Amino acid sequence: MQIISVLAFLAICLIIAMNFQNNITVNMFTNAFHVGTYAVNLAVFTVVVFILGIISAVFFLAPVYKSLKTKFEAYKRELEKGSISNSNGEAKIQVLENKISVLEKALDEAIKKKNE
């Protein structure tokens, strides 16, 4: 995804470099009244449009990013809880296995004493 962003940025830089000497005319109209005609350098116009596009994308995607980040953190906490409970479960299993081995040894010793 980052490579696409870098390629887009390089393409914009190329367009700016190619149109550095070109000017465009922008006609401004409001409610069918002629407000003004402005001559704008095409490179500056491209930069302004590019920056406005980035700003609008940031404002549009910021709530989505925040929501996904919150969900990811909640999921991460759930995984940590699961790993802790698994660790506790493994510890309990180990304790039970140790108790069983102690009881088996005690049973073997009791059987040996009874047979003697």
C-alpha atoms as a PDB file:
ATOM      1  CA  MET A   1       0.000   0.000   0.000  1.00  0.00           C
ATOM      2  CA  GLN A   2       2.845   2.372   0.733  1.00  0.00           C
ATOM      3  CA  ILE A   3       4.380   1.741  -2.679  1.00  0.00           C
ATOM      4  CA  ILE A   4       1.162   2.992  -4.292  1.00  0.00           C
ATOM      5  CA  SER A   5       1.341   6.172  -2.208  1.00  0.00           C
ATOM      6  CA  VAL A   6       4.967   6.731  -3.182  1.00  0.00           C
ATOM      7  CA  LEU A   7       4.217   6.120  -6.867  1.00  0.00           C
ATOM      8  CA  ALA A   8       1.261   8.535  -6.734  1.00  0.00           C
ATOM      9  CA  PHE A   9       3.444  11.178  -5.097  1.00  0.00           C
ATOM     10  CA  LEU A  10       6.141  10.709  -7.747  1.00  0.00           C
ATOM     11  CA  ALA A  11       3.520  10.953 -10.510  1.00  0.00           C
ATOM     12  CA  ILE A  12       2.249  14.227  -9.037  1.00  0.00           C
ATOM     13  CA  CYS A  13       5.820  15.543  -8.841  1.00  0.00           C
ATOM     14  CA  LEU A  14       6.317  14.630 -12.510  1.00  0.00           C
ATOM     15  CA  ILE A  15       3.105  16.398 -13.505  1.00  0.00           C
ATOM     16  CA  ILE A  16       4.162  19.472 -11.533  1.00  0.00           C
ATOM     17  CA  ALA A  17       7.583  19.498 -13.188  1.00  0.00           C
ATOM     18  CA  MET A  18       6.077  19.110 -16.659  1.00  0.00           C
ATOM     19  CA  ASN A  19       3.561  21.936 -16.156  1.00  0.00           C
ATOM     20  CA  PHE A  20       5.731  24.402 -14.281  1.00  0.00           C
ATOM     21  CA  GLN A  21       5.683  26.921 -17.156  1.00  0.00           C
ATOM     22  CA  ASN A  22       1.980  26.513 -18.029  1.00  0.00           C
ATOM     23  CA  ASN A  23      -0.800  28.762 -16.800  1.00  0.00           C
ATOM     24  CA  ILE A  24      -4.526  28.111 -16.693  1.00  0.00           C
ATOM     25  CA  THR A  25      -7.457  30.515 -16.450  1.00  0.00           C
ATOM     26  CA  VAL A  26     -10.028  29.896 -13.728  1.00  0.00           C
ATOM     27  CA  ASN A  27     -13.416  31.599 -14.100  1.00  0.00           C
ATOM     28  CA  MET A  28     -15.263  32.096 -10.819  1.00  0.00           C
ATOM     29  CA  PHE A  29     -19.062  32.341 -10.942  1.00  0.00           C
ATOM     30  CA  THR A  30     -21.537  32.756  -8.120  1.00  0.00           C
ATOM     31  CA  ASN A  31     -25.265  32.668  -8.817  1.00  0.00           C
ATOM     32  CA  ALA A  32     -24.689  33.390 -12.499  1.00  0.00           C
ATOM     33  CA  PHE A  33     -22.735  36.567 -11.700  1.00  0.00           C
ATOM     34  CA  HIS A  34     -19.249  36.901 -12.979  1.00  0.00           C
ATOM     35  CA  VAL A  35     -16.937  37.198  -9.969  1.00  0.00           C
ATOM     36  CA  GLY A  36     -13.577  37.112 -11.622  1.00  0.00           C
ATOM     37  CA  THR A  37     -11.089  35.462 -13.900  1.00  0.00           C
ATOM     38  CA  TYR A  38      -7.814  34.319 -12.418  1.00  0.00           C
ATOM     39  CA  ALA A  39      -4.659  33.149 -14.143  1.00  0.00           C
ATOM     40  CA  VAL A  40      -3.069  30.393 -12.087  1.00  0.00           C
ATOM     41  CA  ASN A  41       0.158  28.471 -12.602  1.00  0.00           C
ATOM     42  CA  LEU A  42      -0.789  24.872 -13.384  1.00  0.00           C
ATOM     43  CA  ALA A  43       1.927  23.502 -11.086  1.00  0.00           C
ATOM     44  CA  VAL A  44       0.594  25.510  -8.137  1.00  0.00           C
ATOM     45  CA  PHE A  45      -2.947  24.449  -9.001  1.00  0.00           C
ATOM     46  CA  THR A  46      -1.874  20.789  -9.064  1.00  0.00           C
ATOM     47  CA  VAL A  47      -0.147  21.113  -5.684  1.00  0.00           C
ATOM     48  CA  VAL A  48      -3.209  22.766  -4.150  1.00  0.00           C
ATOM     49  CA  VAL A  49      -5.550  20.087  -5.501  1.00  0.00           C
ATOM     50  CA  PHE A  50      -3.179  17.342  -4.314  1.00  0.00           C
ATOM     51  CA  ILE A  51      -2.938  18.804  -0.796  1.00  0.00           C
ATOM     52  CA  LEU A  52      -6.703  19.313  -0.592  1.00  0.00           C
ATOM     53  CA  GLY A  53      -7.190  15.692  -1.659  1.00  0.00           C
ATOM     54  CA  ILE A  54      -4.848  14.467   1.062  1.00  0.00           C
ATOM     55  CA  ILE A  55      -6.564  16.613   3.695  1.00  0.00           C
ATOM     56  CA  SER A  56     -10.022  15.430   2.665  1.00  0.00           C
ATOM     57  CA  ALA A  57      -8.872  11.790   2.711  1.00  0.00           C
ATOM     58  CA  VAL A  58      -7.441  12.239   6.211  1.00  0.00           C
ATOM     59  CA  PHE A  59     -10.660  13.797   7.511  1.00  0.00           C
ATOM     60  CA  PHE A  60     -12.759  11.138   5.773  1.00  0.00           C
ATOM     61  CA  LEU A  61     -10.730   8.161   6.990  1.00  0.00           C
ATOM     62  CA  ALA A  62      -9.815   9.368  10.505  1.00  0.00           C
ATOM     63  CA  PRO A  63     -13.048   8.069  12.114  1.00  0.00           C
ATOM     64  CA  VAL A  64     -12.641   4.720  10.365  1.00  0.00           C
ATOM     65  CA  TYR A  65      -9.028   4.477  11.531  1.00  0.00           C
ATOM     66  CA  LYS A  66      -9.975   5.349  15.110  1.00  0.00           C
ATOM     67  CA  SER A  67     -12.763   2.762  15.129  1.00  0.00           C
ATOM     68  CA  LEU A  68     -10.508   0.050  13.729  1.00  0.00           C
ATOM     69  CA  LYS A  69      -7.766   0.932  16.223  1.00  0.00           C
ATOM     70  CA  THR A  70     -10.222   0.640  19.135  1.00  0.00           C
ATOM     71  CA  LYS A  71     -11.466  -2.723  17.865  1.00  0.00           C
ATOM     72  CA  PHE A  72      -7.903  -3.949  17.373  1.00  0.00           C
ATOM     73  CA  GLU A  73      -6.930  -2.964  20.921  1.00  0.00           C
ATOM     74  CA  ALA A  74     -10.005  -4.749  22.319  1.00  0.00           C
ATOM     75  CA  TYR A  75      -9.158  -7.858  20.282  1.00  0.00           C
ATOM     76  CA  LYS A  76      -5.563  -7.693  21.502  1.00  0.00           C
ATOM     77  CA  ARG A  77      -6.751  -7.545  25.133  1.00  0.00           C
ATOM     78  CA  GLU A  78      -8.978 -10.575  24.538  1.00  0.00           C
ATOM     79  CA  LEU A  79      -6.033 -12.511  23.109  1.00  0.00           C
ATOM     80  CA  GLU A  80      -3.909 -11.566  26.116  1.00  0.00           C
ATOM     81  CA  LYS A  81      -6.658 -12.728  28.487  1.00  0.00           C
ATOM     82  CA  GLY A  82      -6.888 -15.989  26.574  1.00  0.00           C
ATOM     83  CA  SER A  83      -3.151 -16.550  26.755  1.00  0.00           C
ATOM     84  CA  ILE A  84      -3.143 -15.801  30.507  1.00  0.00           C
ATOM     85  CA  SER A  85      -6.005 -18.223  31.130  1.00  0.00           C
ATOM     86  CA  ASN A  86      -4.201 -20.835  29.016  1.00  0.00           C
ATOM     87  CA  SER A  87      -1.076 -20.292  31.101  1.00  0.00           C
ATOM     88  CA  ASN A  88      -3.114 -20.706  34.274  1.00  0.00           C
ATOM     89  CA  GLY A  89      -4.724 -23.831  32.826  1.00  0.00           C
ATOM     90  CA  GLU A  90      -1.332 -25.279  31.919  1.00  0.00           C
ATOM     91  CA  ALA A  91      -0.058 -24.527  35.426  1.00  0.00           C
ATOM     92  CA  LYS A  92      -3.101 -26.259  36.956  1.00  0.00           C
ATOM     93  CA  ILE A  93      -2.555 -29.273  34.725  1.00  0.00           C
ATOM     94  CA  GLN A  94       1.090 -29.456  35.781  1.00  0.00           C
ATOM     95  CA  VAL A  95       0.095 -29.310  39.467  1.00  0.00           C
ATOM     96  CA  LEU A  96      -2.436 -32.097  38.965  1.00  0.00           C
ATOM     97  CA  GLU A  97       0.121 -34.235  37.109  1.00  0.00           C
ATOM     98  CA  ASN A  98       2.569 -33.755  39.989  1.00  0.00           C
ATOM     99  CA  LYS A  99      -0.101 -34.766  42.508  1.00  0.00           C
ATOM    100  CA  ILE A 100      -0.933 -37.862  40.462  1.00  0.00           C
ATOM    101  CA  SER A 101       2.724 -38.887  40.291  1.00  0.00           C
ATOM    102  CA  VAL A 102       3.072 -38.423  44.083  1.00  0.00           C
ATOM    103  CA  LEU A 103      -0.069 -40.504  44.667  1.00  0.00           C
ATOM    104  CA  GLU A 104       1.189 -43.215  42.293  1.00  0.00           C
ATOM    105  CA  LYS A 105       4.480 -43.401  44.190  1.00  0.00           C
ATOM    106  CA  ALA A 106       2.645 -43.549  47.526  1.00  0.00           C
ATOM    107  CA  LEU A 107       0.379 -46.309  46.180  1.00  0.00           C
ATOM    108  CA  ASP A 108       3.360 -48.295  44.909  1.00  0.00           C
ATOM    109  CA  GLU A 109       5.083 -47.977  48.312  1.00  0.00           C
ATOM    110  CA  ALA A 110       1.871 -49.026  50.111  1.00  0.00           C
ATOM    111  CA  ILE A 111       1.520 -52.085  47.868  1.00  0.00           C
ATOM    112  CA  LYS A 112       5.191 -53.012  48.480  1.00  0.00           C
ATOM    113  CA  LYS A 113       4.729 -52.708  52.291  1.00  0.00           C
ATOM    114  CA  LYS A 114       1.572 -54.810  52.179  1.00  0.00           C
ATOM    115  CA  ASN A 115       3.271 -57.560  50.154  1.00  0.00           C
ATOM    116  CA  GLU A 116       6.178 -57.781  52.608  1.00  0.00           C
END
